[in-house]
C-alpha atoms as a PDB file:
ATOM      1  CA  MET A   1     -71.853 305.517 147.427  1.00  0.00           C
ATOM      2  CA  THR A   2     -72.800 307.743 144.481  1.00  0.00           C
ATOM      3  CA  TYR A   3     -74.991 306.827 141.583  1.00  0.00           C
ATOM      4  CA  ARG A   4     -73.345 305.540 138.380  1.00  0.00           C
ATOM      5  CA  PRO A   5     -75.260 304.724 135.179  1.00  0.00           C
ATOM      6  CA  GLU A   6     -74.770 301.124 134.071  1.00  0.00           C
ATOM      7  CA  LYS A   7     -73.722 301.605 130.424  1.00  0.00           C
ATOM      8  CA  ARG A   8     -73.025 304.273 127.840  1.00  0.00           C
ATOM      9  CA  ILE A   9     -75.794 305.650 125.640  1.00  0.00           C
ATOM     10  CA  ALA A  10     -75.151 307.702 122.502  1.00  0.00           C
ATOM     11  CA  PHE A  11     -77.477 310.397 121.173  1.00  0.00           C
ATOM     12  CA  GLY A  12     -76.709 311.306 117.556  1.00  0.00           C
ATOM     13  CA  PRO A  13     -77.388 314.526 115.663  1.00  0.00           C
ATOM     14  CA  PRO A  14     -80.928 315.371 114.494  1.00  0.00           C
ATOM     15  CA  MET A  15     -82.120 314.194 111.101  1.00  0.00           C
ATOM     16  CA  LYS A  16     -82.208 317.735 109.656  1.00  0.00           C
ATOM     17  CA  GLU A  17     -78.426 317.888 110.064  1.00  0.00           C
ATOM     18  CA  ARG A  18     -77.923 314.460 108.466  1.00  0.00           C
ATOM     19  CA  ILE A  19     -79.905 315.230 105.297  1.00  0.00           C
ATOM     20  CA  PRO A  20     -77.081 316.922 103.292  1.00  0.00           C
ATOM     21  CA  ALA A  21     -74.766 313.944 103.851  1.00  0.00           C
ATOM     22  CA  LEU A  22     -77.499 311.494 102.883  1.00  0.00           C
ATOM     23  CA  LEU A  23     -78.328 313.488  99.734  1.00  0.00           C
ATOM     24  CA  TYR A  24     -74.659 313.508  98.746  1.00  0.00           C
ATOM     25  CA  LEU A  25     -74.478 309.739  99.334  1.00  0.00           C
ATOM     26  CA  GLY A  26     -77.551 309.262  97.135  1.00  0.00           C
ATOM     27  CA  PHE A  27     -75.986 311.390  94.372  1.00  0.00           C
ATOM     28  CA  ALA A  28     -72.685 309.475  94.599  1.00  0.00           C
ATOM     29  CA  LEU A  29     -74.422 306.099  94.429  1.00  0.00           C
ATOM     30  CA  THR A  30     -76.550 307.211  91.471  1.00  0.00           C
ATOM     31  CA  ALA A  31     -73.536 308.571  89.556  1.00  0.00           C
ATOM     32  CA  SER A  32     -71.565 305.393  90.303  1.00  0.00           C
ATOM     33  CA  ALA A  33     -74.457 303.216  89.146  1.00  0.00           C
ATOM     34  CA  VAL A  34     -74.659 305.164  85.865  1.00  0.00           C
ATOM     35  CA  ILE A  35     -70.905 304.790  85.351  1.00  0.00           C
ATOM     36  CA  PHE A  36     -71.032 301.076  86.137  1.00  0.00           C
ATOM     37  CA  TYR A  37     -73.965 300.591  83.780  1.00  0.00           C
ATOM     38  CA  GLY A  38     -72.172 302.601  81.068  1.00  0.00           C
ATOM     39  CA  GLN A  39     -69.086 300.387  81.310  1.00  0.00           C
ATOM     40  CA  ASN A  40     -71.216 297.247  80.831  1.00  0.00           C
ATOM     41  CA  ALA A  41     -73.647 298.639  78.243  1.00  0.00           C
ATOM     42  CA  PRO A  42     -73.513 297.594  74.566  1.00  0.00           C
ATOM     43  CA  SER A  43     -70.733 299.367  72.678  1.00  0.00           C
ATOM     44  CA  SER A  44     -73.205 301.044  70.325  1.00  0.00           C
ATOM     45  CA  SER A  45     -75.118 302.846  73.099  1.00  0.00           C
ATOM     46  CA  ARG A  46     -74.639 306.538  73.850  1.00  0.00           C
ATOM     47  CA  ILE A  47     -73.899 305.923  77.532  1.00  0.00           C
ATOM     48  CA  PHE A  48     -71.080 303.491  76.641  1.00  0.00           C
ATOM     49  CA  GLN A  49     -69.609 306.053  74.278  1.00  0.00           C
ATOM     50  CA  TYR A  50     -69.812 308.796  76.924  1.00  0.00           C
ATOM     51  CA  VAL A  51     -68.417 306.721  79.811  1.00  0.00           C
ATOM     52  CA  VAL A  52     -65.864 304.403  78.186  1.00  0.00           C
ATOM     53  CA  GLU A  53     -64.830 306.122  74.979  1.00  0.00           C
ATOM     54  CA  GLY A  54     -64.955 309.543  76.607  1.00  0.00           C
ATOM     55  CA  ASP A  55     -62.329 308.432  79.143  1.00  0.00           C
ATOM     56  CA  ARG A  56     -59.646 308.805  76.488  1.00  0.00           C
ATOM     57  CA  HIS A  57     -59.999 312.588  76.647  1.00  0.00           C
ATOM     58  CA  ARG A  58     -60.403 312.979  80.419  1.00  0.00           C
ATOM     59  CA  LEU A  59     -57.763 313.574  83.065  1.00  0.00           C
ATOM     60  CA  VAL A  60     -59.565 311.330  85.566  1.00  0.00           C
ATOM     61  CA  PRO A  61     -61.247 308.137  84.311  1.00  0.00           C
ATOM     62  CA  SER A  62     -64.919 307.721  85.153  1.00  0.00           C
ATOM     63  CA  SER A  63     -64.294 304.636  87.312  1.00  0.00           C
ATOM     64  CA  VAL A  64     -61.814 306.590  89.471  1.00  0.00           C
ATOM     65  CA  CYS A  65     -64.320 309.427  89.700  1.00  0.00           C
ATOM     66  CA  ALA A  66     -66.998 306.970  90.890  1.00  0.00           C
ATOM     67  CA  ILE A  67     -64.670 305.560  93.546  1.00  0.00           C
ATOM     68  CA  ILE A  68     -63.742 309.049  94.780  1.00  0.00           C
ATOM     69  CA  LEU A  69     -67.406 310.076  94.924  1.00  0.00           C
ATOM     70  CA  CYS A  70     -68.467 306.968  96.862  1.00  0.00           C
ATOM     71  CA  VAL A  71     -65.596 307.111  99.345  1.00  0.00           C
ATOM     72  CA  SER A  72     -66.065 310.827 100.038  1.00  0.00           C
ATOM     73  CA  ALA A  73     -69.843 310.417 100.465  1.00  0.00           C
ATOM     74  CA  LEU A  74     -69.357 307.492 102.845  1.00  0.00           C
ATOM     75  CA  ALA A  75     -66.794 309.521 104.820  1.00  0.00           C
ATOM     76  CA  MET A  76     -69.248 312.407 105.057  1.00  0.00           C
ATOM     77  CA  VAL A  77     -72.009 310.141 106.385  1.00  0.00           C
ATOM     78  CA  LEU A  78     -69.638 308.578 108.933  1.00  0.00           C
ATOM     79  CA  ARG A  79     -68.403 312.009 110.019  1.00  0.00           C
ATOM     80  CA  GLU A  80     -71.992 313.106 110.675  1.00  0.00           C
ATOM     81  CA  GLN A  81     -72.552 310.021 112.839  1.00  0.00           C
ATOM     82  CA  MET A  82     -69.616 310.940 115.102  1.00  0.00           C
ATOM     83  CA  ARG A  83     -71.410 314.025 116.480  1.00  0.00           C
ATOM     84  CA  GLY A  84     -73.727 314.157 119.449  1.00  0.00           C
ATOM     85  CA  VAL A  85     -73.790 313.429 123.177  1.00  0.00           C
ATOM     86  CA  ILE A  86     -72.671 310.269 124.936  1.00  0.00           C
ATOM     87  CA  VAL A  87     -73.705 309.587 128.539  1.00  0.00           C
ATOM     88  CA  HIS A  88     -71.091 307.436 130.326  1.00  0.00           C
ATOM     89  CA  PRO A  89     -71.136 305.881 133.777  1.00  0.00           C
ATOM     90  CA  ASP A  90     -68.426 308.395 134.738  1.00  0.00           C
ATOM     91  CA  GLY A  91     -69.853 311.497 133.060  1.00  0.00           C
ATOM     92  CA  ILE A  92     -70.931 313.028 129.795  1.00  0.00           C
ATOM     93  CA  GLU A  93     -69.110 313.462 126.491  1.00  0.00           C
ATOM     94  CA  LEU A  94     -69.897 316.127 123.883  1.00  0.00           C
ATOM     95  CA  ARG A  95     -68.806 315.516 120.293  1.00  0.00           C
ATOM     96  CA  GLU A  96     -68.942 318.416 117.868  1.00  0.00           C
ATOM     97  CA  LEU A  97     -67.503 319.434 114.508  1.00  0.00           C
ATOM     98  CA  LEU A  98     -65.640 322.701 114.195  1.00  0.00           C
ATOM     99  CA  GLY A  99     -64.812 324.555 110.993  1.00  0.00           C
ATOM    100  CA  PHE A 100     -63.292 322.500 108.157  1.00  0.00           C
ATOM    101  CA  GLY A 101     -64.709 319.328 109.754  1.00  0.00           C
ATOM    102  CA  LEU A 102     -62.270 319.261 112.676  1.00  0.00           C
ATOM    103  CA  PRO A 103     -63.717 317.239 115.568  1.00  0.00           C
ATOM    104  CA  ARG A 104     -63.866 318.429 119.170  1.00  0.00           C
ATOM    105  CA  VAL A 105     -64.561 316.097 122.071  1.00  0.00           C
ATOM    106  CA  ARG A 106     -65.230 317.467 125.535  1.00  0.00           C
ATOM    107  CA  ARG A 107     -65.640 315.189 128.530  1.00  0.00           C
ATOM    108  CA  PHE A 108     -67.108 316.186 131.875  1.00  0.00           C
ATOM    109  CA  ALA A 109     -67.220 313.965 134.952  1.00  0.00           C
ATOM    110  CA  TRP A 110     -70.420 314.066 136.993  1.00  0.00           C
ATOM    111  CA  SER A 111     -68.462 315.709 139.817  1.00  0.00           C
ATOM    112  CA  GLN A 112     -67.550 318.648 137.515  1.00  0.00           C
ATOM    113  CA  ILE A 113     -71.201 319.563 136.939  1.00  0.00           C
ATOM    114  CA  ASP A 114     -72.595 322.001 139.534  1.00  0.00           C
ATOM    115  CA  ARG A 115     -76.012 322.590 137.957  1.00  0.00           C
ATOM    116  CA  MET A 116     -78.094 321.525 134.946  1.00  0.00           C
ATOM    117  CA  ALA A 117     -80.699 323.575 133.123  1.00  0.00           C
ATOM    118  CA  VAL A 118     -83.184 321.253 131.426  1.00  0.00           C
ATOM    119  CA  PRO A 119     -85.968 322.742 129.276  1.00  0.00           C
ATOM    120  CA  SER A 120     -89.512 321.508 129.675  1.00  0.00           C
ATOM    121  CA  ALA A 121     -90.791 318.846 127.298  1.00  0.00           C
ATOM    122  CA  GLN A 122     -93.240 321.353 125.743  1.00  0.00           C
ATOM    123  CA  SER A 123     -90.553 323.942 124.968  1.00  0.00           C
ATOM    124  CA  THR A 124     -88.303 321.181 123.624  1.00  0.00           C
ATOM    125  CA  ALA A 125     -91.044 319.982 121.284  1.00  0.00           C
ATOM    126  CA  ARG A 126     -91.807 323.561 120.171  1.00  0.00           C
ATOM    127  CA  ALA A 127     -88.131 324.317 119.562  1.00  0.00           C
ATOM    128  CA  ALA A 128     -87.739 321.129 117.527  1.00  0.00           C
ATOM    129  CA  GLY A 129     -90.642 322.178 115.286  1.00  0.00           C
ATOM    130  CA  ALA A 130     -89.643 325.831 114.998  1.00  0.00           C
ATOM    131  CA  ALA A 131     -86.750 327.441 113.208  1.00  0.00           C
ATOM    132  CA  ASN A 132     -83.311 327.384 114.786  1.00  0.00           C
ATOM    133  CA  GLU A 133     -83.682 329.401 118.007  1.00  0.00           C
ATOM    134  CA  GLY A 134     -80.093 328.985 119.121  1.00  0.00           C
ATOM    135  CA  LYS A 135     -79.174 327.966 122.626  1.00  0.00           C
ATOM    136  CA  LEU A 136     -81.792 329.971 124.506  1.00  0.00           C
ATOM    137  CA  ALA A 137     -84.574 327.679 125.667  1.00  0.00           C
ATOM    138  CA  SER A 138     -84.181 324.558 123.579  1.00  0.00           C
ATOM    139  CA  ASN A 139     -80.852 323.073 124.671  1.00  0.00           C
ATOM    140  CA  ILE A 140     -79.595 321.611 127.903  1.00  0.00           C
ATOM    141  CA  ARG A 141     -77.080 323.760 129.744  1.00  0.00           C
ATOM    142  CA  LEU A 142     -74.387 322.526 132.117  1.00  0.00           C
ATOM    143  CA  ASP A 143     -72.951 324.892 134.733  1.00  0.00           C
ATOM    144  CA  LEU A 144     -69.478 323.586 135.568  1.00  0.00           C
ATOM    145  CA  TRP A 145     -67.449 323.687 138.765  1.00  0.00           C
ATOM    146  CA  ASP A 146     -65.085 326.355 137.416  1.00  0.00           C
ATOM    147  CA  GLY A 147     -67.908 328.841 136.800  1.00  0.00           C
ATOM    148  CA  SER A 148     -68.151 328.259 133.042  1.00  0.00           C
ATOM    149  CA  ARG A 149     -71.238 327.161 131.169  1.00  0.00           C
ATOM    150  CA  THR A 150     -71.600 324.847 128.231  1.00  0.00           C
ATOM    151  CA  TRP A 151     -74.578 323.895 126.111  1.00  0.00           C
ATOM    152  CA  LEU A 152     -75.109 320.394 124.822  1.00  0.00           C
ATOM    153  CA  PRO A 153     -75.278 320.114 121.013  1.00  0.00           C
ATOM    154  CA  ASP A 154     -78.557 319.315 119.303  1.00  0.00           C
ATOM    155  CA  VAL A 155     -79.438 315.625 119.306  1.00  0.00           C
ATOM    156  CA  GLY A 156     -82.097 313.601 117.533  1.00  0.00           C
ATOM    157  CA  ASP A 157     -83.979 312.513 120.677  1.00  0.00           C
ATOM    158  CA  ARG A 158     -83.665 315.582 122.883  1.00  0.00           C
ATOM    159  CA  ILE A 159     -86.499 314.582 125.222  1.00  0.00           C
ATOM    160  CA  ALA A 160     -84.945 311.179 126.032  1.00  0.00           C
ATOM    161  CA  LEU A 161     -81.592 312.865 126.713  1.00  0.00           C
ATOM    162  CA  SER A 162     -83.301 315.432 128.962  1.00  0.00           C
ATOM    163  CA  VAL A 163     -85.077 312.749 130.965  1.00  0.00           C
ATOM    164  CA  MET A 164     -81.899 310.686 131.311  1.00  0.00           C
ATOM    165  CA  LEU A 165     -79.829 313.650 132.499  1.00  0.00           C
ATOM    166  CA  GLU A 166     -82.605 314.718 134.852  1.00  0.00           C
ATOM    167  CA  ARG A 167     -82.631 311.253 136.454  1.00  0.00           C
ATOM    168  CA  VAL A 168     -78.858 311.238 136.816  1.00  0.00           C
ATOM    169  CA  ALA A 169     -78.920 314.740 138.313  1.00  0.00           C
ATOM    170  CA  LEU A 170     -81.556 313.767 140.869  1.00  0.00           C
ATOM    171  CA  ALA A 171     -79.677 310.625 141.832  1.00  0.00           C
ATOM    172  CA  ARG A 172     -76.359 312.465 142.184  1.00  0.00           C
ATOM    173  CA  ALA A 173     -77.853 315.554 143.923  1.00  0.00           C
ATOM    174  CA  ILE A 174     -76.990 317.919 141.058  1.00  0.00           C
ATOM    175  CA  PRO A 175     -79.365 320.920 141.200  1.00  0.00           C
ATOM    176  CA  ILE A 176     -81.710 321.223 138.210  1.00  0.00           C
ATOM    177  CA  GLU A 177     -83.224 324.380 136.712  1.00  0.00           C
ATOM    178  CA  GLY A 178     -86.470 323.608 134.938  1.00  0.00           C
ATOM    179  CA  GLY A 179     -87.199 320.012 134.107  1.00  0.00           C
ATOM    180  CA  THR A 180     -89.074 317.901 131.613  1.00  0.00           C
ATOM    181  CA  GLY A 181     -91.931 316.913 133.906  1.00  0.00           C
ATOM    182  CA  LEU A 182     -91.769 313.412 132.438  1.00  0.00           C
ATOM    183  CA  MET A 183     -90.118 311.555 135.320  1.00  0.00           C
ATOM    184  CA  ASP A 184     -92.247 308.979 137.146  1.00  0.00           C
ATOM    185  CA  ASP A 185     -89.635 307.400 139.411  1.00  0.00           C
ATOM    186  CA  LEU A 186     -85.903 307.548 139.891  1.00  0.00           C
ATOM    187  CA  GLY A 187     -85.011 304.067 138.650  1.00  0.00           C
ATOM    188  CA  SER A 188     -81.984 303.570 136.443  1.00  0.00           C
ATOM    189  CA  PRO A 189     -81.749 306.257 133.746  1.00  0.00           C
ATOM    190  CA  LEU A 190     -79.963 303.899 131.381  1.00  0.00           C
ATOM    191  CA  GLN A 191     -82.256 300.931 131.886  1.00  0.00           C
ATOM    192  CA  ASP A 192     -83.982 299.676 128.739  1.00  0.00           C
ATOM    193  CA  ASP A 193     -87.676 300.432 128.704  1.00  0.00           C
ATOM    194  CA  GLY A 194     -88.450 297.093 126.956  1.00  0.00           C
END
C-alpha cells in the first residue's frame, strides 16, 4: 500500500506578486467612493458638479465607470488567487498564468514523478530575500517519468511546500536531491500542526 496524503493543500502566489492587484483594487475602491460621495454631495459643491453635472458631457457615466473599475479590480484579485501549487492525495497540481492572463493547469500523479530537487531552507530563505534569481536554486524541480523536468511556480510559503513534498517523497520512495533539513519525523505531511 502506497502513501496518500489525507487532504488537498493549496499554496498561493507570494505577496510581491499580489501587490499590483491589491493596489489596483485600492484605487478602484477609492475612485468609486469619490464617485458615490459626489453623487450624494450637496448640489452646490464642486465634486457634485464634476461627478453628476459632468456626466452630461461624458460618453460613459461616472457610476458605470465606478462599476467597471470595481468589477475589473475584483476579477484581477481573484485571478491572482488562482495561481500556485495544490498538493492532492493523488498528486500535485501547478496553476500558472500565461500571456494575456490565460490560465494553465498541469497535474502530475505521484507515480509520474521520478525525482524531486528540493532546495535547502537556507537557500530558500536567501532566494526569497534576494532579487529574482530565476529557477536555479530557489524553486523545487520535478523530474518526470518521461525524462522532462518542470519547476514549481513561486509560492508564498515555499518552505512549508518544500517540507510537505519532502515528506511525501520519502513516504513514496521518490528520490530527493537536496532537502530542507527541517524534517523531524515522517508523520503525515498534510496533518495540521495545531
